[in-house]
Amino acid sequence: MNKIYNIFLISISIFCFLVFASIPSFGAENTYDLKINNDKTISVVGSGLIKERPDIALIDFDITLKNSDPSTAMDNLSKKVNKLLQKIYEQGINKDNIKTSNVSLQPIYVYDKNLNKEILDGYSATESFIITTSVEDSGKIISLLTNNGVNQINNIRFERSDIEQLKLRAIENAMSDARKQANAVLSGTMYRISGIKSVTVSPISAPSPILKENLYNKSLTGVNQPLPVEGGEIEIRANVQVVFTFE
């Protein structure tokens, strides 16, 4: 009786092993994303990736002044901005590479405990700029800005001057990847790729690395050495869906 019982347990164990072994692993990555259709076509998704270091830095900063009189606030802001721009031009920054992104004049209200209400406490005049410079010179420009009255560096965005050419290269790589996948499927068979029926290019991803404001919104006045800035790496990704014909 014990012998029969042991044989039964062994049989059950083997059955369970075979069942679980036949279940596909959900953690495994697909080598190919493709589909072979009855009309002798293969639908393939190809991917292309280009990695390059950025060569352009866009520095977004504000200059803000406060005064009890709105006209005086704007006049003082204008004088301060003109002095700063002159300093920037002396560093070799072309006028075409610096632009005003925003100008604002806003009332400032503070809460008065005695009156139990908010009262006017002057005006805040702000002008925002974006400077385009090289990554190598961005640290020097940041130090220059903060030493000449800039009280808010919002962020630094890094880009490539040849981004459109890099996008085309990413598409070429994606097409090459799709062709390799289709050829791999037909390898060892009597069939070969004979043409392309259709191609769909997905929106190309090329996010710009950004140095966030919390790294630079503290006072850097008195900093004489150029601030070290690293632009990181830009990744340009392209995906294409290609329907190949074969014969």
C-alpha atoms as a PDB file:
ATOM      1  CA  MET A   1       0.000   0.000   0.000  1.00  0.00           C
ATOM      2  CA  ASN A   2       2.846   2.426   0.879  1.00  0.00           C
ATOM      3  CA  LYS A   3       4.545   1.586  -2.416  1.00  0.00           C
ATOM      4  CA  ILE A   4       1.411   2.447  -4.407  1.00  0.00           C
ATOM      5  CA  TYR A   5       0.993   5.687  -2.425  1.00  0.00           C
ATOM      6  CA  ASN A   6       4.622   6.718  -3.127  1.00  0.00           C
ATOM      7  CA  ILE A   7       4.193   6.017  -6.842  1.00  0.00           C
ATOM      8  CA  PHE A   8       1.047   8.180  -6.817  1.00  0.00           C
ATOM      9  CA  LEU A   9       2.908  11.094  -5.171  1.00  0.00           C
ATOM     10  CA  ILE A  10       5.762  10.842  -7.670  1.00  0.00           C
ATOM     11  CA  SER A  11       3.296  10.871 -10.566  1.00  0.00           C
ATOM     12  CA  ILE A  12       1.541  13.948  -9.199  1.00  0.00           C
ATOM     13  CA  SER A  13       4.901  15.765  -8.742  1.00  0.00           C
ATOM     14  CA  ILE A  14       5.976  15.025 -12.308  1.00  0.00           C
ATOM     15  CA  PHE A  15       2.622  16.240 -13.654  1.00  0.00           C
ATOM     16  CA  CYS A  16       2.866  19.535 -11.724  1.00  0.00           C
ATOM     17  CA  PHE A  17       6.429  20.082 -12.942  1.00  0.00           C
ATOM     18  CA  LEU A  18       5.390  19.604 -16.567  1.00  0.00           C
ATOM     19  CA  VAL A  19       2.434  21.967 -16.184  1.00  0.00           C
ATOM     20  CA  PHE A  20       4.463  24.792 -14.632  1.00  0.00           C
ATOM     21  CA  ALA A  21       7.362  24.254 -17.024  1.00  0.00           C
ATOM     22  CA  SER A  22       4.995  24.793 -19.951  1.00  0.00           C
ATOM     23  CA  ILE A  23       3.852  28.226 -18.683  1.00  0.00           C
ATOM     24  CA  PRO A  24       5.810  31.046 -20.449  1.00  0.00           C
ATOM     25  CA  SER A  25       7.932  33.376 -18.330  1.00  0.00           C
ATOM     26  CA  PHE A  26       6.378  36.830 -18.148  1.00  0.00           C
ATOM     27  CA  GLY A  27       9.717  38.375 -17.228  1.00  0.00           C
ATOM     28  CA  ALA A  28      11.391  37.276 -20.450  1.00  0.00           C
ATOM     29  CA  GLU A  29      11.934  39.957 -23.086  1.00  0.00           C
ATOM     30  CA  ASN A  30      10.775  39.420 -26.652  1.00  0.00           C
ATOM     31  CA  THR A  31      13.655  39.274 -29.087  1.00  0.00           C
ATOM     32  CA  TYR A  32      11.427  40.287 -32.001  1.00  0.00           C
ATOM     33  CA  ASP A  33       8.206  42.229 -32.222  1.00  0.00           C
ATOM     34  CA  LEU A  34       6.813  40.971 -35.500  1.00  0.00           C
ATOM     35  CA  LYS A  35       3.955  39.192 -37.202  1.00  0.00           C
ATOM     36  CA  ILE A  36       3.891  37.024 -40.318  1.00  0.00           C
ATOM     37  CA  ASN A  37       0.671  37.368 -42.319  1.00  0.00           C
ATOM     38  CA  ASN A  38      -0.931  35.078 -44.894  1.00  0.00           C
ATOM     39  CA  ASP A  39      -0.300  37.548 -47.734  1.00  0.00           C
ATOM     40  CA  LYS A  40       3.470  36.992 -47.459  1.00  0.00           C
ATOM     41  CA  THR A  41       4.207  40.071 -45.400  1.00  0.00           C
ATOM     42  CA  ILE A  42       6.106  40.513 -42.151  1.00  0.00           C
ATOM     43  CA  SER A  43       5.225  43.375 -39.794  1.00  0.00           C
ATOM     44  CA  VAL A  44       8.225  44.449 -37.729  1.00  0.00           C
ATOM     45  CA  VAL A  45       8.856  47.181 -35.141  1.00  0.00           C
ATOM     46  CA  GLY A  46      12.436  48.465 -35.332  1.00  0.00           C
ATOM     47  CA  SER A  47      14.179  50.706 -32.803  1.00  0.00           C
ATOM     48  CA  GLY A  48      17.030  53.159 -33.230  1.00  0.00           C
ATOM     49  CA  LEU A  49      18.979  54.983 -30.526  1.00  0.00           C
ATOM     50  CA  ILE A  50      21.533  57.780 -30.850  1.00  0.00           C
ATOM     51  CA  LYS A  51      23.476  59.071 -27.832  1.00  0.00           C
ATOM     52  CA  GLU A  52      25.392  62.336 -27.974  1.00  0.00           C
ATOM     53  CA  ARG A  53      26.703  64.876 -25.520  1.00  0.00           C
ATOM     54  CA  PRO A  54      24.920  68.253 -25.785  1.00  0.00           C
ATOM     55  CA  ASP A  55      26.789  71.221 -27.214  1.00  0.00           C
ATOM     56  CA  ILE A  56      24.267  73.978 -26.352  1.00  0.00           C
ATOM     57  CA  ALA A  57      23.088  75.271 -22.965  1.00  0.00           C
ATOM     58  CA  LEU A  58      19.979  77.446 -22.570  1.00  0.00           C
ATOM     59  CA  ILE A  59      20.042  79.389 -19.300  1.00  0.00           C
ATOM     60  CA  ASP A  60      16.660  80.663 -18.071  1.00  0.00           C
ATOM     61  CA  PHE A  61      16.933  83.427 -15.442  1.00  0.00           C
ATOM     62  CA  ASP A  62      15.021  86.335 -13.848  1.00  0.00           C
ATOM     63  CA  ILE A  63      15.898  89.794 -12.578  1.00  0.00           C
ATOM     64  CA  THR A  64      13.443  91.128 -10.008  1.00  0.00           C
ATOM     65  CA  LEU A  65      13.331  94.517  -8.239  1.00  0.00           C
ATOM     66  CA  LYS A  66      10.832  95.886  -5.726  1.00  0.00           C
ATOM     67  CA  ASN A  67       9.729  99.443  -5.067  1.00  0.00           C
ATOM     68  CA  SER A  68       6.803 101.284  -3.519  1.00  0.00           C
ATOM     69  CA  ASP A  69       6.192 103.098  -6.803  1.00  0.00           C
ATOM     70  CA  PRO A  70       5.492 101.014  -9.952  1.00  0.00           C
ATOM     71  CA  SER A  71       7.198 103.452 -12.332  1.00  0.00           C
ATOM     72  CA  THR A  72      10.315 103.568 -10.195  1.00  0.00           C
ATOM     73  CA  ALA A  73      10.364  99.774 -10.002  1.00  0.00           C
ATOM     74  CA  MET A  74      10.319  99.509 -13.791  1.00  0.00           C
ATOM     75  CA  ASP A  75      12.913 102.277 -14.248  1.00  0.00           C
ATOM     76  CA  ASN A  76      15.315 100.667 -11.771  1.00  0.00           C
ATOM     77  CA  LEU A  77      14.797  97.306 -13.438  1.00  0.00           C
ATOM     78  CA  SER A  78      15.590  98.795 -16.848  1.00  0.00           C
ATOM     79  CA  LYS A  79      18.851 100.322 -15.575  1.00  0.00           C
ATOM     80  CA  LYS A  80      19.912  97.075 -13.929  1.00  0.00           C
ATOM     81  CA  VAL A  81      19.094  95.000 -17.002  1.00  0.00           C
ATOM     82  CA  ASN A  82      21.048  97.322 -19.311  1.00  0.00           C
ATOM     83  CA  LYS A  83      24.141  97.078 -17.111  1.00  0.00           C
ATOM     84  CA  LEU A  84      23.841  93.284 -17.037  1.00  0.00           C
ATOM     85  CA  LEU A  85      23.395  93.001 -20.792  1.00  0.00           C
ATOM     86  CA  GLN A  86      26.522  95.057 -21.356  1.00  0.00           C
ATOM     87  CA  LYS A  87      28.462  92.631 -19.136  1.00  0.00           C
ATOM     88  CA  ILE A  88      27.039  89.690 -21.070  1.00  0.00           C
ATOM     89  CA  TYR A  89      27.969  91.183 -24.453  1.00  0.00           C
ATOM     90  CA  GLU A  90      31.516  91.733 -23.183  1.00  0.00           C
ATOM     91  CA  GLN A  91      31.751  87.951 -22.720  1.00  0.00           C
ATOM     92  CA  GLY A  92      31.218  87.437 -26.427  1.00  0.00           C
ATOM     93  CA  ILE A  93      27.532  86.531 -26.253  1.00  0.00           C
ATOM     94  CA  ASN A  94      25.816  87.672 -29.459  1.00  0.00           C
ATOM     95  CA  LYS A  95      22.616  89.694 -29.157  1.00  0.00           C
ATOM     96  CA  ASP A  96      20.840  87.020 -31.194  1.00  0.00           C
ATOM     97  CA  ASN A  97      21.613  84.501 -28.429  1.00  0.00           C
ATOM     98  CA  ILE A  98      19.818  86.325 -25.635  1.00  0.00           C
ATOM     99  CA  LYS A  99      16.096  87.028 -25.663  1.00  0.00           C
ATOM    100  CA  THR A 100      13.484  88.344 -23.256  1.00  0.00           C
ATOM    101  CA  SER A 101      10.937  85.633 -22.436  1.00  0.00           C
ATOM    102  CA  ASN A 102       8.730  87.628 -20.056  1.00  0.00           C
ATOM    103  CA  VAL A 103       8.222  91.068 -18.452  1.00  0.00           C
ATOM    104  CA  SER A 104       5.891  91.563 -15.517  1.00  0.00           C
ATOM    105  CA  LEU A 105       4.862  94.179 -12.941  1.00  0.00           C
ATOM    106  CA  GLN A 106       2.851  92.874 -10.013  1.00  0.00           C
ATOM    107  CA  PRO A 107       1.546  94.416  -6.783  1.00  0.00           C
ATOM    108  CA  ILE A 108       2.848  92.960  -3.522  1.00  0.00           C
ATOM    109  CA  TYR A 109       0.374  92.409  -0.706  1.00  0.00           C
ATOM    110  CA  VAL A 110       1.167  91.598   2.921  1.00  0.00           C
ATOM    111  CA  TYR A 111      -1.173  90.667   5.743  1.00  0.00           C
ATOM    112  CA  ASP A 112      -1.660  93.344   8.406  1.00  0.00           C
ATOM    113  CA  LYS A 113      -2.646  91.800  11.736  1.00  0.00           C
ATOM    114  CA  ASN A 114      -3.934  95.084  13.146  1.00  0.00           C
ATOM    115  CA  LEU A 115      -6.213  95.737  10.168  1.00  0.00           C
ATOM    116  CA  ASN A 116      -6.954  92.024   9.728  1.00  0.00           C
ATOM    117  CA  LYS A 117      -6.542  92.288   5.971  1.00  0.00           C
ATOM    118  CA  GLU A 118      -3.976  92.362   3.192  1.00  0.00           C
ATOM    119  CA  ILE A 119      -2.508  95.741   2.304  1.00  0.00           C
ATOM    120  CA  LEU A 120      -0.419  96.933  -0.646  1.00  0.00           C
ATOM    121  CA  ASP A 121       3.306  96.778   0.102  1.00  0.00           C
ATOM    122  CA  GLY A 122       4.822  97.952  -3.175  1.00  0.00           C
ATOM    123  CA  TYR A 123       5.410  96.491  -6.608  1.00  0.00           C
ATOM    124  CA  SER A 124       7.608  93.767  -8.032  1.00  0.00           C
ATOM    125  CA  ALA A 125       9.093  94.311 -11.508  1.00  0.00           C
ATOM    126  CA  THR A 126      10.569  91.241 -13.245  1.00  0.00           C
ATOM    127  CA  GLU A 127      12.208  90.576 -16.594  1.00  0.00           C
ATOM    128  CA  SER A 128      13.040  87.019 -17.667  1.00  0.00           C
ATOM    129  CA  PHE A 129      15.696  86.021 -20.189  1.00  0.00           C
ATOM    130  CA  ILE A 130      17.005  82.953 -21.981  1.00  0.00           C
ATOM    131  CA  ILE A 131      20.683  82.895 -22.950  1.00  0.00           C
ATOM    132  CA  THR A 132      21.983  80.383 -25.486  1.00  0.00           C
ATOM    133  CA  THR A 133      25.633  79.499 -25.036  1.00  0.00           C
ATOM    134  CA  SER A 134      27.989  76.543 -25.256  1.00  0.00           C
ATOM    135  CA  VAL A 135      27.967  73.925 -22.485  1.00  0.00           C
ATOM    136  CA  GLU A 136      31.614  74.752 -21.791  1.00  0.00           C
ATOM    137  CA  ASP A 137      30.849  78.450 -21.187  1.00  0.00           C
ATOM    138  CA  SER A 138      27.602  77.962 -19.246  1.00  0.00           C
ATOM    139  CA  GLY A 139      29.265  77.832 -15.814  1.00  0.00           C
ATOM    140  CA  LYS A 140      31.132  81.062 -16.508  1.00  0.00           C
ATOM    141  CA  ILE A 141      27.904  82.757 -17.648  1.00  0.00           C
ATOM    142  CA  ILE A 142      26.027  81.611 -14.526  1.00  0.00           C
ATOM    143  CA  SER A 143      28.726  83.061 -12.261  1.00  0.00           C
ATOM    144  CA  LEU A 144      28.610  86.297 -14.244  1.00  0.00           C
ATOM    145  CA  LEU A 145      24.832  86.543 -13.881  1.00  0.00           C
ATOM    146  CA  THR A 146      24.735  85.970 -10.141  1.00  0.00           C
ATOM    147  CA  ASN A 147      27.594  88.417  -9.552  1.00  0.00           C
ATOM    148  CA  ASN A 148      25.655  91.118 -11.404  1.00  0.00           C
ATOM    149  CA  GLY A 149      22.304  91.099  -9.665  1.00  0.00           C
ATOM    150  CA  VAL A 150      20.482  88.082 -11.082  1.00  0.00           C
ATOM    151  CA  ASN A 151      18.496  86.650  -8.177  1.00  0.00           C
ATOM    152  CA  GLN A 152      16.842  83.657  -9.837  1.00  0.00           C
ATOM    153  CA  ILE A 153      18.284  80.981 -12.137  1.00  0.00           C
ATOM    154  CA  ASN A 154      15.215  78.999 -13.152  1.00  0.00           C
ATOM    155  CA  ASN A 155      16.835  76.125 -15.019  1.00  0.00           C
ATOM    156  CA  ILE A 156      19.453  75.138 -17.574  1.00  0.00           C
ATOM    157  CA  ARG A 157      18.386  73.053 -20.561  1.00  0.00           C
ATOM    158  CA  PHE A 158      20.893  71.210 -22.733  1.00  0.00           C
ATOM    159  CA  GLU A 159      20.426  70.598 -26.450  1.00  0.00           C
ATOM    160  CA  ARG A 160      22.223  69.672 -29.670  1.00  0.00           C
ATOM    161  CA  SER A 161      22.717  72.126 -32.517  1.00  0.00           C
ATOM    162  CA  ASP A 162      22.379  69.272 -35.039  1.00  0.00           C
ATOM    163  CA  ILE A 163      19.332  67.616 -33.437  1.00  0.00           C
ATOM    164  CA  GLU A 164      17.450  67.246 -36.748  1.00  0.00           C
ATOM    165  CA  GLN A 165      20.345  65.331 -38.333  1.00  0.00           C
ATOM    166  CA  LEU A 166      20.544  63.100 -35.253  1.00  0.00           C
ATOM    167  CA  LYS A 167      16.829  62.321 -35.545  1.00  0.00           C
ATOM    168  CA  LEU A 168      17.369  61.178 -39.133  1.00  0.00           C
ATOM    169  CA  ARG A 169      20.231  58.940 -38.008  1.00  0.00           C
ATOM    170  CA  ALA A 170      17.984  57.407 -35.343  1.00  0.00           C
ATOM    171  CA  ILE A 171      15.367  56.622 -38.020  1.00  0.00           C
ATOM    172  CA  GLU A 172      18.049  55.015 -40.209  1.00  0.00           C
ATOM    173  CA  ASN A 173      19.113  52.845 -37.277  1.00  0.00           C
ATOM    174  CA  ALA A 174      15.500  51.873 -36.617  1.00  0.00           C
ATOM    175  CA  MET A 175      15.009  50.850 -40.253  1.00  0.00           C
ATOM    176  CA  SER A 176      18.201  48.807 -40.149  1.00  0.00           C
ATOM    177  CA  ASP A 177      17.018  47.093 -36.976  1.00  0.00           C
ATOM    178  CA  ALA A 178      13.658  46.253 -38.565  1.00  0.00           C
ATOM    179  CA  ARG A 179      15.371  44.753 -41.635  1.00  0.00           C
ATOM    180  CA  LYS A 180      17.662  42.625 -39.459  1.00  0.00           C
ATOM    181  CA  GLN A 181      14.674  41.241 -37.548  1.00  0.00           C
ATOM    182  CA  ALA A 182      12.820  40.341 -40.748  1.00  0.00           C
ATOM    183  CA  ASN A 183      15.927  38.693 -42.227  1.00  0.00           C
ATOM    184  CA  ALA A 184      16.465  36.728 -39.010  1.00  0.00           C
ATOM    185  CA  VAL A 185      12.963  35.270 -39.207  1.00  0.00           C
ATOM    186  CA  LEU A 186      13.424  34.147 -42.818  1.00  0.00           C
ATOM    187  CA  SER A 187      16.924  32.843 -42.207  1.00  0.00           C
ATOM    188  CA  GLY A 188      17.146  29.141 -43.051  1.00  0.00           C
ATOM    189  CA  THR A 189      13.966  29.193 -45.137  1.00  0.00           C
ATOM    190  CA  MET A 190      13.436  29.380 -48.880  1.00  0.00           C
ATOM    191  CA  TYR A 191      12.047  32.912 -48.569  1.00  0.00           C
ATOM    192  CA  ARG A 192      13.735  36.321 -48.757  1.00  0.00           C
ATOM    193  CA  ILE A 193      12.687  39.941 -48.304  1.00  0.00           C
ATOM    194  CA  SER A 194      11.480  41.331 -51.634  1.00  0.00           C
ATOM    195  CA  GLY A 195      10.281  44.825 -50.717  1.00  0.00           C
ATOM    196  CA  ILE A 196       8.500  47.170 -48.328  1.00  0.00           C
ATOM    197  CA  LYS A 197       4.739  47.526 -48.286  1.00  0.00           C
ATOM    198  CA  SER A 198       4.481  50.322 -45.701  1.00  0.00           C
ATOM    199  CA  VAL A 199       6.465  52.260 -43.084  1.00  0.00           C
ATOM    200  CA  THR A 200       5.115  54.144 -40.057  1.00  0.00           C
ATOM    201  CA  VAL A 201       7.485  56.382 -38.078  1.00  0.00           C
ATOM    202  CA  SER A 202       6.471  57.068 -34.474  1.00  0.00           C
ATOM    203  CA  PRO A 203       7.136  60.486 -32.882  1.00  0.00           C
ATOM    204  CA  ILE A 204      10.850  60.722 -32.135  1.00  0.00           C
ATOM    205  CA  SER A 205      11.846  61.066 -28.495  1.00  0.00           C
ATOM    206  CA  ALA A 206      14.697  63.501 -27.806  1.00  0.00           C
ATOM    207  CA  PRO A 207      14.216  64.901 -24.277  1.00  0.00           C
ATOM    208  CA  SER A 208      16.579  67.684 -23.258  1.00  0.00           C
ATOM    209  CA  PRO A 209      18.440  67.172 -19.975  1.00  0.00           C
ATOM    210  CA  ILE A 210      17.481  69.895 -17.499  1.00  0.00           C
ATOM    211  CA  LEU A 211      19.424  71.157 -14.517  1.00  0.00           C
ATOM    212  CA  LYS A 212      16.650  72.013 -12.059  1.00  0.00           C
ATOM    213  CA  GLU A 213      16.266  75.376 -10.383  1.00  0.00           C
ATOM    214  CA  ASN A 214      16.894  74.105  -6.845  1.00  0.00           C
ATOM    215  CA  LEU A 215      20.554  73.649  -7.744  1.00  0.00           C
ATOM    216  CA  TYR A 216      20.988  77.298  -8.636  1.00  0.00           C
ATOM    217  CA  ASN A 217      18.373  79.417  -6.918  1.00  0.00           C
ATOM    218  CA  LYS A 218      20.624  80.088  -3.957  1.00  0.00           C
ATOM    219  CA  SER A 219      22.813  83.150  -3.895  1.00  0.00           C
ATOM    220  CA  LEU A 220      26.133  82.688  -5.689  1.00  0.00           C
ATOM    221  CA  THR A 221      27.278  86.280  -5.287  1.00  0.00           C
ATOM    222  CA  GLY A 222      31.023  86.513  -4.894  1.00  0.00           C
ATOM    223  CA  VAL A 223      31.778  83.289  -6.745  1.00  0.00           C
ATOM    224  CA  ASN A 224      34.872  84.045  -8.823  1.00  0.00           C
ATOM    225  CA  GLN A 225      35.494  80.612 -10.320  1.00  0.00           C
ATOM    226  CA  PRO A 226      33.299  79.390 -13.209  1.00  0.00           C
ATOM    227  CA  LEU A 227      30.614  77.102 -11.871  1.00  0.00           C
ATOM    228  CA  PRO A 228      31.235  73.505 -13.076  1.00  0.00           C
ATOM    229  CA  VAL A 229      28.319  72.382 -15.272  1.00  0.00           C
ATOM    230  CA  GLU A 230      27.944  68.976 -16.917  1.00  0.00           C
ATOM    231  CA  GLY A 231      25.419  68.576 -19.721  1.00  0.00           C
ATOM    232  CA  GLY A 232      25.103  64.812 -19.425  1.00  0.00           C
ATOM    233  CA  GLU A 233      23.926  62.940 -22.511  1.00  0.00           C
ATOM    234  CA  ILE A 234      21.047  63.333 -24.941  1.00  0.00           C
ATOM    235  CA  GLU A 235      19.241  60.195 -26.142  1.00  0.00           C
ATOM    236  CA  ILE A 236      17.380  60.339 -29.442  1.00  0.00           C
ATOM    237  CA  ARG A 237      15.013  57.374 -29.887  1.00  0.00           C
ATOM    238  CA  ALA A 238      13.122  56.425 -33.039  1.00  0.00           C
ATOM    239  CA  ASN A 239      10.650  53.584 -33.628  1.00  0.00           C
ATOM    240  CA  VAL A 240       9.382  52.451 -37.009  1.00  0.00           C
ATOM    241  CA  GLN A 241       6.770  49.878 -37.945  1.00  0.00           C
ATOM    242  CA  VAL A 242       7.703  48.310 -41.262  1.00  0.00           C
ATOM    243  CA  VAL A 243       5.648  45.832 -43.298  1.00  0.00           C
ATOM    244  CA  PHE A 244       8.057  43.842 -45.497  1.00  0.00           C
ATOM    245  CA  THR A 245       6.985  41.637 -48.390  1.00  0.00           C
ATOM    246  CA  PHE A 246       8.776  38.354 -49.015  1.00  0.00           C
ATOM    247  CA  GLU A 247       8.787  35.671 -51.683  1.00  0.00           C
END
